[in-house]
PDB file of N, CA and C in Angstrom:
ATOM      1  N   ASN A   1       0.839  -1.189   0.000  1.00  0.00           N
ATOM      2  CA  ASN A   1       0.000   0.000   0.000  1.00  0.00           C
ATOM      3  C   ASN A   1       0.879   1.245   0.000  1.00  0.00           C
ATOM      4  N   PHE A   2       0.441   2.260  -0.709  1.00  0.00           N
ATOM      5  CA  PHE A   2       1.162   3.526  -0.693  1.00  0.00           C
ATOM      6  C   PHE A   2       0.781   4.373   0.516  1.00  0.00           C
ATOM      7  N   PHE A   3      -0.446   4.226   1.000  1.00  0.00           N
ATOM      8  CA  PHE A   3      -0.926   5.001   2.140  1.00  0.00           C
ATOM      9  C   PHE A   3      -1.332   4.049   3.251  1.00  0.00           C
ATOM     10  N   LYS A   4      -1.361   4.582   4.472  1.00  0.00           N
ATOM     11  CA  LYS A   4      -1.849   3.819   5.601  1.00  0.00           C
ATOM     12  C   LYS A   4      -3.304   3.444   5.309  1.00  0.00           C
ATOM     13  N   PHE A   5      -3.640   2.169   5.458  1.00  0.00           N
ATOM     14  CA  PHE A   5      -4.990   1.704   5.106  1.00  0.00           C
ATOM     15  C   PHE A   5      -5.560   0.912   6.265  1.00  0.00           C
ATOM     16  N   GLU A   6      -6.515   1.506   6.957  1.00  0.00           N
ATOM     17  CA  GLU A   6      -7.211   0.825   8.041  1.00  0.00           C
ATOM     18  C   GLU A   6      -8.695   1.089   7.890  1.00  0.00           C
ATOM     19  N   LEU A   7      -9.470   0.029   7.917  1.00  0.00           N
ATOM     20  CA  LEU A   7     -10.902   0.180   7.743  1.00  0.00           C
ATOM     21  C   LEU A   7     -11.570   0.873   8.915  1.00  0.00           C
ATOM     22  N   SER A   8     -10.934   0.891  10.063  1.00  0.00           N
ATOM     23  CA  SER A   8     -11.543   1.513  11.239  1.00  0.00           C
ATOM     24  C   SER A   8     -11.459   3.038  11.194  1.00  0.00           C
ATOM     25  N   GLU A   9     -10.550   3.586  10.397  1.00  0.00           N
ATOM     26  CA  GLU A   9     -10.410   5.035  10.304  1.00  0.00           C
ATOM     27  C   GLU A   9     -10.905   5.504   8.936  1.00  0.00           C
ATOM     28  N   ARG A  10     -11.927   6.324   8.894  1.00  0.00           N
ATOM     29  CA  ARG A  10     -12.518   6.768   7.634  1.00  0.00           C
ATOM     30  C   ARG A  10     -11.596   7.696   6.843  1.00  0.00           C
ATOM     31  N   LYS A  11     -10.618   8.309   7.485  1.00  0.00           N
ATOM     32  CA  LYS A  11      -9.713   9.191   6.747  1.00  0.00           C
ATOM     33  C   LYS A  11      -8.671   8.424   5.934  1.00  0.00           C
ATOM     34  N   THR A  12      -8.528   7.130   6.172  1.00  0.00           N
ATOM     35  CA  THR A  12      -7.543   6.317   5.446  1.00  0.00           C
ATOM     36  C   THR A  12      -8.253   5.158   4.747  1.00  0.00           C
ATOM     37  N   TYR A  13      -9.244   5.467   3.958  1.00  0.00           N
ATOM     38  CA  TYR A  13     -10.065   4.413   3.371  1.00  0.00           C
ATOM     39  C   TYR A  13      -9.736   4.112   1.917  1.00  0.00           C
ATOM     40  N   LEU A  14      -8.741   4.777   1.311  1.00  0.00           N
ATOM     41  CA  LEU A  14      -8.398   4.551  -0.095  1.00  0.00           C
ATOM     42  C   LEU A  14      -6.885   4.471  -0.240  1.00  0.00           C
ATOM     43  N   THR A  15      -6.411   3.490  -1.002  1.00  0.00           N
ATOM     44  CA  THR A  15      -4.976   3.407  -1.263  1.00  0.00           C
ATOM     45  C   THR A  15      -4.701   2.650  -2.562  1.00  0.00           C
ATOM     46  N   PRO A  16      -3.772   3.135  -3.381  1.00  0.00           N
ATOM     47  CA  PRO A  16      -3.260   2.339  -4.503  1.00  0.00           C
ATOM     48  C   PRO A  16      -2.174   1.404  -3.966  1.00  0.00           C
ATOM     49  N   TYR A  17      -1.855   0.358  -4.709  1.00  0.00           N
ATOM     50  CA  TYR A  17      -0.797  -0.554  -4.282  1.00  0.00           C
ATOM     51  C   TYR A  17      -0.114  -1.199  -5.494  1.00  0.00           C
ATOM     52  N   LEU A  18       1.080  -1.691  -5.251  1.00  0.00           N
ATOM     53  CA  LEU A  18       1.841  -2.469  -6.224  1.00  0.00           C
ATOM     54  C   LEU A  18       2.010  -3.871  -5.674  1.00  0.00           C
ATOM     55  N   GLY A  19       2.086  -4.849  -6.553  1.00  0.00           N
ATOM     56  CA  GLY A  19       2.276  -6.227  -6.109  1.00  0.00           C
ATOM     57  C   GLY A  19       3.175  -6.982  -7.049  1.00  0.00           C
ATOM     58  N   GLY A  20       3.745  -8.031  -6.550  1.00  0.00           N
ATOM     59  CA  GLY A  20       4.598  -8.890  -7.344  1.00  0.00           C
ATOM     60  C   GLY A  20       4.815 -10.196  -6.624  1.00  0.00           C
ATOM     61  N   GLY A  21       5.391 -11.145  -7.311  1.00  0.00           N
ATOM     62  CA  GLY A  21       5.626 -12.417  -6.652  1.00  0.00           C
ATOM     63  C   GLY A  21       6.143 -13.481  -7.574  1.00  0.00           C
ATOM     64  N   LEU A  22       5.865 -14.703  -7.201  1.00  0.00           N
ATOM     65  CA  LEU A  22       6.281 -15.881  -7.932  1.00  0.00           C
ATOM     66  C   LEU A  22       5.103 -16.840  -7.930  1.00  0.00           C
ATOM     67  N   GLY A  23       4.801 -17.439  -9.080  1.00  0.00           N
ATOM     68  CA  GLY A  23       3.643 -18.316  -9.155  1.00  0.00           C
ATOM     69  C   GLY A  23       3.919 -19.593  -9.927  1.00  0.00           C
ATOM     70  N   MET A  24       2.957 -20.487  -9.851  1.00  0.00           N
ATOM     71  CA  MET A  24       2.997 -21.746 -10.592  1.00  0.00           C
ATOM     72  C   MET A  24       1.915 -21.714 -11.656  1.00  0.00           C
ATOM     73  N   LEU A  25       2.159 -22.375 -12.773  1.00  0.00           N
ATOM     74  CA  LEU A  25       1.280 -22.344 -13.928  1.00  0.00           C
ATOM     75  C   LEU A  25       0.881 -23.760 -14.326  1.00  0.00           C
ATOM     76  N   LEU A  26      -0.409 -23.984 -14.432  1.00  0.00           N
ATOM     77  CA  LEU A  26      -0.942 -25.243 -14.952  1.00  0.00           C
ATOM     78  C   LEU A  26      -1.526 -24.971 -16.330  1.00  0.00           C
ATOM     79  N   VAL A  27      -1.204 -25.792 -17.304  1.00  0.00           N
ATOM     80  CA  VAL A  27      -1.782 -25.675 -18.633  1.00  0.00           C
ATOM     81  C   VAL A  27      -2.578 -26.950 -18.878  1.00  0.00           C
ATOM     82  N   GLU A  28      -3.862 -26.786 -19.136  1.00  0.00           N
ATOM     83  CA  GLU A  28      -4.778 -27.914 -19.297  1.00  0.00           C
ATOM     84  C   GLU A  28      -4.687 -28.867 -18.107  1.00  0.00           C
ATOM     85  N   PHE A  29      -4.587 -28.307 -16.899  1.00  0.00           N
ATOM     86  CA  PHE A  29      -4.553 -29.030 -15.623  1.00  0.00           C
ATOM     87  C   PHE A  29      -3.367 -29.963 -15.487  1.00  0.00           C
ATOM     88  N   ASN A  30      -2.269 -29.662 -16.176  1.00  0.00           N
ATOM     89  CA  ASN A  30      -1.052 -30.479 -16.097  1.00  0.00           C
ATOM     90  C   ASN A  30       0.161 -29.590 -15.898  1.00  0.00           C
ATOM     91  N   PHE A  31       1.131 -30.110 -15.127  1.00  0.00           N
ATOM     92  CA  PHE A  31       2.433 -29.460 -15.034  1.00  0.00           C
ATOM     93  C   PHE A  31       3.308 -29.956 -16.173  1.00  0.00           C
ATOM     94  N   SER A  32       4.192 -29.107 -16.652  1.00  0.00           N
ATOM     95  CA  SER A  32       5.145 -29.494 -17.678  1.00  0.00           C
ATOM     96  C   SER A  32       6.280 -30.289 -17.035  1.00  0.00           C
ATOM     97  N   SER A  33       6.956 -31.111 -17.819  1.00  0.00           N
ATOM     98  CA  SER A  33       8.086 -31.872 -17.295  1.00  0.00           C
ATOM     99  C   SER A  33       9.295 -30.969 -17.044  1.00  0.00           C
ATOM    100  N   ARG A  34       9.381 -29.836 -17.755  1.00  0.00           N
ATOM    101  CA  ARG A  34      10.451 -28.867 -17.505  1.00  0.00           C
ATOM    102  C   ARG A  34      10.008 -27.925 -16.390  1.00  0.00           C
ATOM    103  N   VAL A  35      10.771 -27.798 -15.343  1.00  0.00           N
ATOM    104  CA  VAL A  35      10.402 -27.016 -14.163  1.00  0.00           C
ATOM    105  C   VAL A  35      10.130 -25.556 -14.509  1.00  0.00           C
ATOM    106  N   MET A  36      10.979 -24.936 -15.327  1.00  0.00           N
ATOM    107  CA  MET A  36      10.816 -23.509 -15.643  1.00  0.00           C
ATOM    108  C   MET A  36       9.542 -23.231 -16.435  1.00  0.00           C
ATOM    109  N   ASP A  37       8.993 -24.210 -17.136  1.00  0.00           N
ATOM    110  CA  ASP A  37       7.738 -24.020 -17.863  1.00  0.00           C
ATOM    111  C   ASP A  37       6.553 -23.816 -16.923  1.00  0.00           C
ATOM    112  N   ASN A  38       6.707 -24.208 -15.666  1.00  0.00           N
ATOM    113  CA  ASN A  38       5.628 -24.100 -14.684  1.00  0.00           C
ATOM    114  C   ASN A  38       5.686 -22.817 -13.864  1.00  0.00           C
ATOM    115  N   ILE A  39       6.721 -22.014 -14.045  1.00  0.00           N
ATOM    116  CA  ILE A  39       6.933 -20.803 -13.248  1.00  0.00           C
ATOM    117  C   ILE A  39       6.318 -19.592 -13.949  1.00  0.00           C
ATOM    118  N   THR A  40       5.721 -18.706 -13.182  1.00  0.00           N
ATOM    119  CA  THR A  40       5.254 -17.418 -13.685  1.00  0.00           C
ATOM    120  C   THR A  40       5.663 -16.326 -12.698  1.00  0.00           C
ATOM    121  N   ILE A  41       5.963 -15.155 -13.212  1.00  0.00           N
ATOM    122  CA  ILE A  41       6.319 -14.014 -12.370  1.00  0.00           C
ATOM    123  C   ILE A  41       5.237 -12.951 -12.559  1.00  0.00           C
ATOM    124  N   PRO A  42       4.307 -12.846 -11.598  1.00  0.00           N
ATOM    125  CA  PRO A  42       3.251 -11.845 -11.702  1.00  0.00           C
ATOM    126  C   PRO A  42       3.696 -10.510 -11.094  1.00  0.00           C
ATOM    127  N   PHE A  43       3.306  -9.417 -11.732  1.00  0.00           N
ATOM    128  CA  PHE A  43       3.508  -8.088 -11.154  1.00  0.00           C
ATOM    129  C   PHE A  43       2.397  -7.184 -11.659  1.00  0.00           C
ATOM    130  N   GLY A  44       1.958  -6.294 -10.797  1.00  0.00           N
ATOM    131  CA  GLY A  44       0.846  -5.446 -11.197  1.00  0.00           C
ATOM    132  C   GLY A  44       0.560  -4.343 -10.203  1.00  0.00           C
ATOM    133  N   MET A  45      -0.613  -3.746 -10.396  1.00  0.00           N
ATOM    134  CA  MET A  45      -1.017  -2.629  -9.550  1.00  0.00           C
ATOM    135  C   MET A  45      -2.519  -2.688  -9.337  1.00  0.00           C
ATOM    136  N   GLY A  46      -2.953  -1.957  -8.346  1.00  0.00           N
ATOM    137  CA  GLY A  46      -4.373  -1.925  -8.058  1.00  0.00           C
ATOM    138  C   GLY A  46      -4.699  -0.799  -7.097  1.00  0.00           C
ATOM    139  N   ALA A  47      -5.955  -0.745  -6.732  1.00  0.00           N
ATOM    140  CA  ALA A  47      -6.427   0.225  -5.746  1.00  0.00           C
ATOM    141  C   ALA A  47      -7.534  -0.433  -4.952  1.00  0.00           C
ATOM    142  N   LYS A  48      -7.604  -0.098  -3.669  1.00  0.00           N
ATOM    143  CA  LYS A  48      -8.682  -0.611  -2.846  1.00  0.00           C
ATOM    144  C   LYS A  48      -9.276   0.520  -2.036  1.00  0.00           C
ATOM    145  N   ILE A  49     -10.562   0.387  -1.774  1.00  0.00           N
ATOM    146  CA  ILE A  49     -11.295   1.418  -1.049  1.00  0.00           C
ATOM    147  C   ILE A  49     -12.134   0.739   0.030  1.00  0.00           C
ATOM    148  N   GLY A  50     -12.109   1.304   1.221  1.00  0.00           N
ATOM    149  CA  GLY A  50     -12.912   0.787   2.312  1.00  0.00           C
ATOM    150  C   GLY A  50     -14.346   1.269   2.186  1.00  0.00           C
ATOM    151  N   ILE A  51     -15.282   0.331   2.123  1.00  0.00           N
ATOM    152  CA  ILE A  51     -16.694   0.684   2.021  1.00  0.00           C
ATOM    153  C   ILE A  51     -17.259   0.996   3.405  1.00  0.00           C
ATOM    154  N   ASN A  52     -16.949   0.166   4.372  1.00  0.00           N
ATOM    155  CA  ASN A  52     -17.290   0.418   5.775  1.00  0.00           C
ATOM    156  C   ASN A  52     -16.184  -0.194   6.623  1.00  0.00           C
ATOM    157  N   ASN A  53     -16.424  -0.398   7.914  1.00  0.00           N
ATOM    158  CA  ASN A  53     -15.339  -0.891   8.768  1.00  0.00           C
ATOM    159  C   ASN A  53     -15.103  -2.402   8.629  1.00  0.00           C
ATOM    160  N   ARG A  54     -15.792  -3.078   7.716  1.00  0.00           N
ATOM    161  CA  ARG A  54     -15.569  -4.505   7.459  1.00  0.00           C
ATOM    162  C   ARG A  54     -15.334  -4.847   5.981  1.00  0.00           C
ATOM    163  N   LEU A  55     -15.888  -4.083   5.041  1.00  0.00           N
ATOM    164  CA  LEU A  55     -15.823  -4.405   3.614  1.00  0.00           C
ATOM    165  C   LEU A  55     -14.826  -3.538   2.858  1.00  0.00           C
ATOM    166  N   THR A  56     -14.129  -4.160   1.918  1.00  0.00           N
ATOM    167  CA  THR A  56     -13.202  -3.462   1.030  1.00  0.00           C
ATOM    168  C   THR A  56     -13.528  -3.853  -0.414  1.00  0.00           C
ATOM    169  N   LEU A  57     -13.520  -2.878  -1.305  1.00  0.00           N
ATOM    170  CA  LEU A  57     -13.725  -3.103  -2.738  1.00  0.00           C
ATOM    171  C   LEU A  57     -12.439  -2.716  -3.455  1.00  0.00           C
ATOM    172  N   GLY A  58     -12.015  -3.515  -4.429  1.00  0.00           N
ATOM    173  CA  GLY A  58     -10.767  -3.206  -5.108  1.00  0.00           C
ATOM    174  C   GLY A  58     -10.765  -3.572  -6.577  1.00  0.00           C
ATOM    175  N   LEU A  59      -9.818  -2.986  -7.301  1.00  0.00           N
ATOM    176  CA  LEU A  59      -9.532  -3.273  -8.713  1.00  0.00           C
ATOM    177  C   LEU A  59      -8.065  -3.644  -8.814  1.00  0.00           C
ATOM    178  N   GLU A  60      -7.753  -4.601  -9.695  1.00  0.00           N
ATOM    179  CA  GLU A  60      -6.365  -5.030  -9.833  1.00  0.00           C
ATOM    180  C   GLU A  60      -6.071  -5.394 -11.280  1.00  0.00           C
ATOM    181  N   TYR A  61      -4.873  -5.035 -11.753  1.00  0.00           N
ATOM    182  CA  TYR A  61      -4.397  -5.419 -13.078  1.00  0.00           C
ATOM    183  C   TYR A  61      -3.006  -6.027 -12.908  1.00  0.00           C
ATOM    184  N   THR A  62      -2.829  -7.249 -13.403  1.00  0.00           N
ATOM    185  CA  THR A  62      -1.575  -7.965 -13.213  1.00  0.00           C
ATOM    186  C   THR A  62      -1.088  -8.552 -14.535  1.00  0.00           C
ATOM    187  N   LEU A  63       0.206  -8.418 -14.802  1.00  0.00           N
ATOM    188  CA  LEU A  63       0.881  -9.075 -15.930  1.00  0.00           C
ATOM    189  C   LEU A  63       1.601 -10.308 -15.393  1.00  0.00           C
ATOM    190  N   HIS A  64       1.600 -11.386 -16.175  1.00  0.00           N
ATOM    191  CA  HIS A  64       2.291 -12.609 -15.781  1.00  0.00           C
ATOM    192  C   HIS A  64       3.303 -12.967 -16.852  1.00  0.00           C
ATOM    193  N   ARG A  65       4.569 -12.972 -16.480  1.00  0.00           N
ATOM    194  CA  ARG A  65       5.645 -13.359 -17.383  1.00  0.00           C
ATOM    195  C   ARG A  65       5.835 -14.864 -17.239  1.00  0.00           C
ATOM    196  N   THR A  66       5.777 -15.599 -18.353  1.00  0.00           N
ATOM    197  CA  THR A  66       5.969 -17.046 -18.301  1.00  0.00           C
ATOM    198  C   THR A  66       7.271 -17.412 -18.995  1.00  0.00           C
ATOM    199  N   PHE A  67       7.640 -18.666 -18.865  1.00  0.00           N
ATOM    200  CA  PHE A  67       8.866 -19.171 -19.480  1.00  0.00           C
ATOM    201  C   PHE A  67       8.550 -20.264 -20.500  1.00  0.00           C
ATOM    202  N   ARG A  68       7.387 -20.149 -21.138  1.00  0.00           N
ATOM    203  CA  ARG A  68       6.976 -21.111 -22.158  1.00  0.00           C
ATOM    204  C   ARG A  68       6.352 -20.377 -23.329  1.00  0.00           C
ATOM    205  N   ASP A  69       6.288 -21.039 -24.477  1.00  0.00           N
ATOM    206  CA  ASP A  69       5.798 -20.385 -25.685  1.00  0.00           C
ATOM    207  C   ASP A  69       4.673 -21.189 -26.345  1.00  0.00           C
ATOM    208  N   ASP A  70       3.860 -21.850 -25.534  1.00  0.00           N
ATOM    209  CA  ASP A  70       2.778 -22.642 -26.111  1.00  0.00           C
ATOM    210  C   ASP A  70       1.406 -22.300 -25.531  1.00  0.00           C
ATOM    211  N   LEU A  71       1.301 -21.227 -24.790  1.00  0.00           N
ATOM    212  CA  LEU A  71       0.013 -20.861 -24.203  1.00  0.00           C
ATOM    213  C   LEU A  71      -1.005 -20.454 -25.259  1.00  0.00           C
ATOM    214  N   ASP A  72      -0.554 -19.824 -26.331  1.00  0.00           N
ATOM    215  CA  ASP A  72      -1.469 -19.411 -27.400  1.00  0.00           C
ATOM    216  C   ASP A  72      -1.775 -20.548 -28.373  1.00  0.00           C
ATOM    217  N   GLN A  73      -1.118 -21.689 -28.192  1.00  0.00           N
ATOM    218  CA  GLN A  73      -1.302 -22.894 -29.010  1.00  0.00           C
ATOM    219  C   GLN A  73      -1.092 -22.637 -30.498  1.00  0.00           C
ATOM    220  N   ILE A  74      -0.101 -21.794 -30.806  1.00  0.00           N
ATOM    221  CA  ILE A  74       0.309 -21.571 -32.194  1.00  0.00           C
ATOM    222  C   ILE A  74       1.620 -22.318 -32.379  1.00  0.00           C
ATOM    223  N   SER A  75       1.567 -23.416 -33.118  1.00  0.00           N
ATOM    224  CA  SER A  75       2.773 -24.227 -33.287  1.00  0.00           C
ATOM    225  C   SER A  75       3.682 -23.676 -34.385  1.00  0.00           C
ATOM    226  N   ASP A  76       3.098 -23.048 -35.388  1.00  0.00           N
ATOM    227  CA  ASP A  76       3.886 -22.504 -36.485  1.00  0.00           C
ATOM    228  C   ASP A  76       3.804 -20.985 -36.415  1.00  0.00           C
ATOM    229  N   TRP A  77       4.923 -20.329 -36.477  1.00  0.00           N
ATOM    230  CA  TRP A  77       4.921 -18.869 -36.324  1.00  0.00           C
ATOM    231  C   TRP A  77       4.602 -18.131 -37.616  1.00  0.00           C
ATOM    232  N   ARG A  78       4.429 -18.849 -38.720  1.00  0.00           N
ATOM    233  CA  ARG A  78       4.023 -18.225 -39.983  1.00  0.00           C
ATOM    234  C   ARG A  78       2.679 -18.804 -40.442  1.00  0.00           C
ATOM    235  N   TYR A  79       1.920 -17.978 -41.127  1.00  0.00           N
ATOM    236  CA  TYR A  79       0.707 -18.485 -41.778  1.00  0.00           C
ATOM    237  C   TYR A  79       1.125 -19.401 -42.915  1.00  0.00           C
ATOM    238  N   ASN A  80       0.308 -20.381 -43.219  1.00  0.00           N
ATOM    239  CA  ASN A  80       0.659 -21.242 -44.358  1.00  0.00           C
ATOM    240  C   ASN A  80       0.119 -20.638 -45.649  1.00  0.00           C
ATOM    241  N   SER A  81       0.424 -21.256 -46.754  1.00  0.00           N
ATOM    242  CA  SER A  81       0.089 -20.678 -48.059  1.00  0.00           C
ATOM    243  C   SER A  81      -1.413 -20.656 -48.342  1.00  0.00           C
ATOM    244  N   LEU A  82      -2.209 -21.410 -47.606  1.00  0.00           N
ATOM    245  CA  LEU A  82      -3.653 -21.427 -47.810  1.00  0.00           C
ATOM    246  C   LEU A  82      -4.366 -20.292 -47.068  1.00  0.00           C
ATOM    247  N   ASP A  83      -3.682 -19.670 -46.127  1.00  0.00           N
ATOM    248  CA  ASP A  83      -4.288 -18.592 -45.356  1.00  0.00           C
ATOM    249  C   ASP A  83      -4.365 -17.304 -46.160  1.00  0.00           C
ATOM    250  N   VAL A  84      -5.214 -16.408 -45.711  1.00  0.00           N
ATOM    251  CA  VAL A  84      -5.373 -15.101 -46.361  1.00  0.00           C
ATOM    252  C   VAL A  84      -4.067 -14.305 -46.291  1.00  0.00           C
ATOM    253  N   PHE A  85      -3.366 -14.424 -45.175  1.00  0.00           N
ATOM    254  CA  PHE A  85      -2.121 -13.671 -44.983  1.00  0.00           C
ATOM    255  C   PHE A  85      -0.926 -14.598 -45.183  1.00  0.00           C
ATOM    256  N   SER A  86      -0.790 -15.190 -46.318  1.00  0.00           N
ATOM    257  CA  SER A  86       0.266 -16.174 -46.541  1.00  0.00           C
ATOM    258  C   SER A  86       1.653 -15.548 -46.373  1.00  0.00           C
ATOM    259  N   LEU A  87       2.540 -16.330 -45.781  1.00  0.00           N
ATOM    260  CA  LEU A  87       3.942 -15.975 -45.534  1.00  0.00           C
ATOM    261  C   LEU A  87       4.116 -14.731 -44.659  1.00  0.00           C
ATOM    262  N   LYS A  88       3.122 -14.410 -43.864  1.00  0.00           N
ATOM    263  CA  LYS A  88       3.234 -13.319 -42.900  1.00  0.00           C
ATOM    264  C   LYS A  88       3.459 -13.908 -41.509  1.00  0.00           C
ATOM    265  N   GLN A  89       4.138 -13.170 -40.670  1.00  0.00           N
ATOM    266  CA  GLN A  89       4.412 -13.637 -39.316  1.00  0.00           C
ATOM    267  C   GLN A  89       3.184 -13.419 -38.435  1.00  0.00           C
ATOM    268  N   ARG A  90       2.820 -14.414 -37.635  1.00  0.00           N
ATOM    269  CA  ARG A  90       1.688 -14.259 -36.726  1.00  0.00           C
ATOM    270  C   ARG A  90       2.075 -14.409 -35.268  1.00  0.00           C
ATOM    271  N   ALA A  91       3.282 -14.804 -34.989  1.00  0.00           N
ATOM    272  CA  ALA A  91       3.782 -14.909 -33.620  1.00  0.00           C
ATOM    273  C   ALA A  91       5.287 -14.729 -33.663  1.00  0.00           C
ATOM    274  N   ASN A  92       5.861 -14.377 -32.533  1.00  0.00           N
ATOM    275  CA  ASN A  92       7.304 -14.216 -32.445  1.00  0.00           C
ATOM    276  C   ASN A  92       7.883 -15.448 -31.758  1.00  0.00           C
ATOM    277  N   ALA A  93       8.580 -16.252 -32.492  1.00  0.00           N
ATOM    278  CA  ALA A  93       9.128 -17.503 -31.954  1.00  0.00           C
ATOM    279  C   ALA A  93      10.250 -17.269 -30.944  1.00  0.00           C
ATOM    280  N   GLN A  94      10.806 -16.067 -30.893  1.00  0.00           N
ATOM    281  CA  GLN A  94      11.898 -15.784 -29.959  1.00  0.00           C
ATOM    282  C   GLN A  94      11.405 -15.329 -28.586  1.00  0.00           C
ATOM    283  N   ASN A  95      10.122 -15.006 -28.435  1.00  0.00           N
ATOM    284  CA  ASN A  95       9.596 -14.510 -27.157  1.00  0.00           C
ATOM    285  C   ASN A  95       8.678 -15.537 -26.521  1.00  0.00           C
ATOM    286  N   ASP A  96       8.727 -15.607 -25.191  1.00  0.00           N
ATOM    287  CA  ASP A  96       7.796 -16.451 -24.452  1.00  0.00           C
ATOM    288  C   ASP A  96       6.464 -15.731 -24.319  1.00  0.00           C
ATOM    289  N   ASP A  97       5.425 -16.499 -23.985  1.00  0.00           N
ATOM    290  CA  ASP A  97       4.089 -15.929 -23.846  1.00  0.00           C
ATOM    291  C   ASP A  97       3.924 -15.212 -22.513  1.00  0.00           C
ATOM    292  N   TRP A  98       3.062 -14.220 -22.508  1.00  0.00           N
ATOM    293  CA  TRP A  98       2.652 -13.483 -21.323  1.00  0.00           C
ATOM    294  C   TRP A  98       1.135 -13.567 -21.256  1.00  0.00           C
ATOM    295  N   PHE A  99       0.570 -13.393 -20.064  1.00  0.00           N
ATOM    296  CA  PHE A  99      -0.864 -13.228 -19.963  1.00  0.00           C
ATOM    297  C   PHE A  99      -1.170 -12.207 -18.891  1.00  0.00           C
ATOM    298  N   THR A 100      -2.367 -11.635 -18.942  1.00  0.00           N
ATOM    299  CA  THR A 100      -2.755 -10.587 -18.006  1.00  0.00           C
ATOM    300  C   THR A 100      -4.020 -10.994 -17.262  1.00  0.00           C
ATOM    301  N   PHE A 101      -4.253 -10.309 -16.160  1.00  0.00           N
ATOM    302  CA  PHE A 101      -5.444 -10.522 -15.348  1.00  0.00           C
ATOM    303  C   PHE A 101      -5.976  -9.165 -14.919  1.00  0.00           C
ATOM    304  N   PHE A 102      -7.263  -8.953 -15.083  1.00  0.00           N
ATOM    305  CA  PHE A 102      -7.927  -7.769 -14.542  1.00  0.00           C
ATOM    306  C   PHE A 102      -9.081  -8.272 -13.698  1.00  0.00           C
ATOM    307  N   GLY A 103      -9.174  -7.764 -12.496  1.00  0.00           N
ATOM    308  CA  GLY A 103     -10.237  -8.246 -11.625  1.00  0.00           C
ATOM    309  C   GLY A 103     -10.767  -7.196 -10.677  1.00  0.00           C
ATOM    310  N   VAL A 104     -11.956  -7.455 -10.217  1.00  0.00           N
ATOM    311  CA  VAL A 104     -12.616  -6.672  -9.178  1.00  0.00           C
ATOM    312  C   VAL A 104     -12.800  -7.613  -8.004  1.00  0.00           C
ATOM    313  N   PHE A 105     -12.496  -7.149  -6.801  1.00  0.00           N
ATOM    314  CA  PHE A 105     -12.640  -8.029  -5.649  1.00  0.00           C
ATOM    315  C   PHE A 105     -13.330  -7.317  -4.495  1.00  0.00           C
ATOM    316  N   ILE A 106     -13.914  -8.119  -3.642  1.00  0.00           N
ATOM    317  CA  ILE A 106     -14.509  -7.653  -2.386  1.00  0.00           C
ATOM    318  C   ILE A 106     -13.896  -8.492  -1.283  1.00  0.00           C
ATOM    319  N   SER A 107     -13.428  -7.854  -0.234  1.00  0.00           N
ATOM    320  CA  SER A 107     -12.913  -8.597   0.911  1.00  0.00           C
ATOM    321  C   SER A 107     -13.692  -8.197   2.163  1.00  0.00           C
ATOM    322  N   TYR A 108     -13.780  -9.133   3.089  1.00  0.00           N
ATOM    323  CA  TYR A 108     -14.534  -8.935   4.316  1.00  0.00           C
ATOM    324  C   TYR A 108     -13.626  -9.223   5.494  1.00  0.00           C
ATOM    325  N   LYS A 109     -13.534  -8.299   6.434  1.00  0.00           N
ATOM    326  CA  LYS A 109     -12.712  -8.476   7.627  1.00  0.00           C
ATOM    327  C   LYS A 109     -13.516  -9.278   8.642  1.00  0.00           C
ATOM    328  N   LEU A 110     -13.050 -10.486   8.966  1.00  0.00           N
ATOM    329  CA  LEU A 110     -13.783 -11.385   9.850  1.00  0.00           C
ATOM    330  C   LEU A 110     -13.722 -10.969  11.315  1.00  0.00           C
ATOM    331  N   LYS A 111     -12.599 -10.445  11.748  1.00  0.00           N
ATOM    332  CA  LYS A 111     -12.407 -10.211  13.172  1.00  0.00           C
ATOM    333  C   LYS A 111     -11.678  -8.902  13.388  1.00  0.00           C
ATOM    334  N   ASP A 112     -12.114  -8.144  14.370  1.00  0.00           N
ATOM    335  CA  ASP A 112     -11.359  -6.956  14.771  1.00  0.00           C
ATOM    336  C   ASP A 112     -10.172  -7.408  15.598  1.00  0.00           C
ATOM    337  N   CYS A 113      -9.045  -6.807  15.342  1.00  0.00           N
ATOM    338  CA  CYS A 113      -7.840  -7.169  16.094  1.00  0.00           C
ATOM    339  C   CYS A 113      -7.025  -5.916  16.343  1.00  0.00           C
ATOM    340  N   VAL A 114      -5.873  -6.090  16.903  1.00  0.00           N
ATOM    341  CA  VAL A 114      -5.018  -4.951  17.190  1.00  0.00           C
ATOM    342  C   VAL A 114      -4.531  -4.319  15.893  1.00  0.00           C
ATOM    343  N   THR A 115      -4.002  -3.120  16.002  1.00  0.00           N
ATOM    344  CA  THR A 115      -3.469  -2.410  14.833  1.00  0.00           C
ATOM    345  C   THR A 115      -2.330  -3.197  14.217  1.00  0.00           C
ATOM    346  N   CYS A 116      -2.258  -3.198  12.908  1.00  0.00           N
ATOM    347  CA  CYS A 116      -1.187  -3.883  12.181  1.00  0.00           C
ATOM    348  C   CYS A 116       0.172  -3.360  12.660  1.00  0.00           C
ATOM    349  N   PRO A 117       1.124  -4.254  12.951  1.00  0.00           N
ATOM    350  CA  PRO A 117       2.440  -3.823  13.424  1.00  0.00           C
ATOM    351  C   PRO A 117       3.163  -2.882  12.452  1.00  0.00           C
ATOM    352  N   ALA A 118       2.813  -2.920  11.178  1.00  0.00           N
ATOM    353  CA  ALA A 118       3.460  -2.038  10.211  1.00  0.00           C
ATOM    354  C   ALA A 118       3.139  -0.575  10.495  1.00  0.00           C
ATOM    355  N   TYR A 119       2.036  -0.301  11.198  1.00  0.00           N
ATOM    356  CA  TYR A 119       1.620   1.073  11.458  1.00  0.00           C
ATOM    357  C   TYR A 119       1.879   1.521  12.881  1.00  0.00           C
ATOM    358  N   LEU A 120       2.604   0.750  13.660  1.00  0.00           N
ATOM    359  CA  LEU A 120       2.907   1.139  15.043  1.00  0.00           C
ATOM    360  C   LEU A 120       4.044   2.125  15.096  1.00  0.00           C
TER     361      LEU A 120
END
């Protein structure tokens, strides 16, 4: 979070944030035999707003960098001669695939507790 965010205080009810991490990727519910094909590096940004002292509404946009080139299921990087765009490039065989996520979320605070140690 860029700003102090506590649902109990109405003056701190909105904050943008950045996120990143490390993830695992399943394609057609299977892991690849190569370990790096299963890794994804997500990074993105979002914003969340406190609706009341228990509910939060947010928006998030995340890019995922993968280490595989078969997510789009294009085996040949050129159109064939029967296609309308014959001998034109339709994918870059030198780059791995990426995918994005955009979402809206609602979170609910189950229990009141002490102030987060990050804000002490």
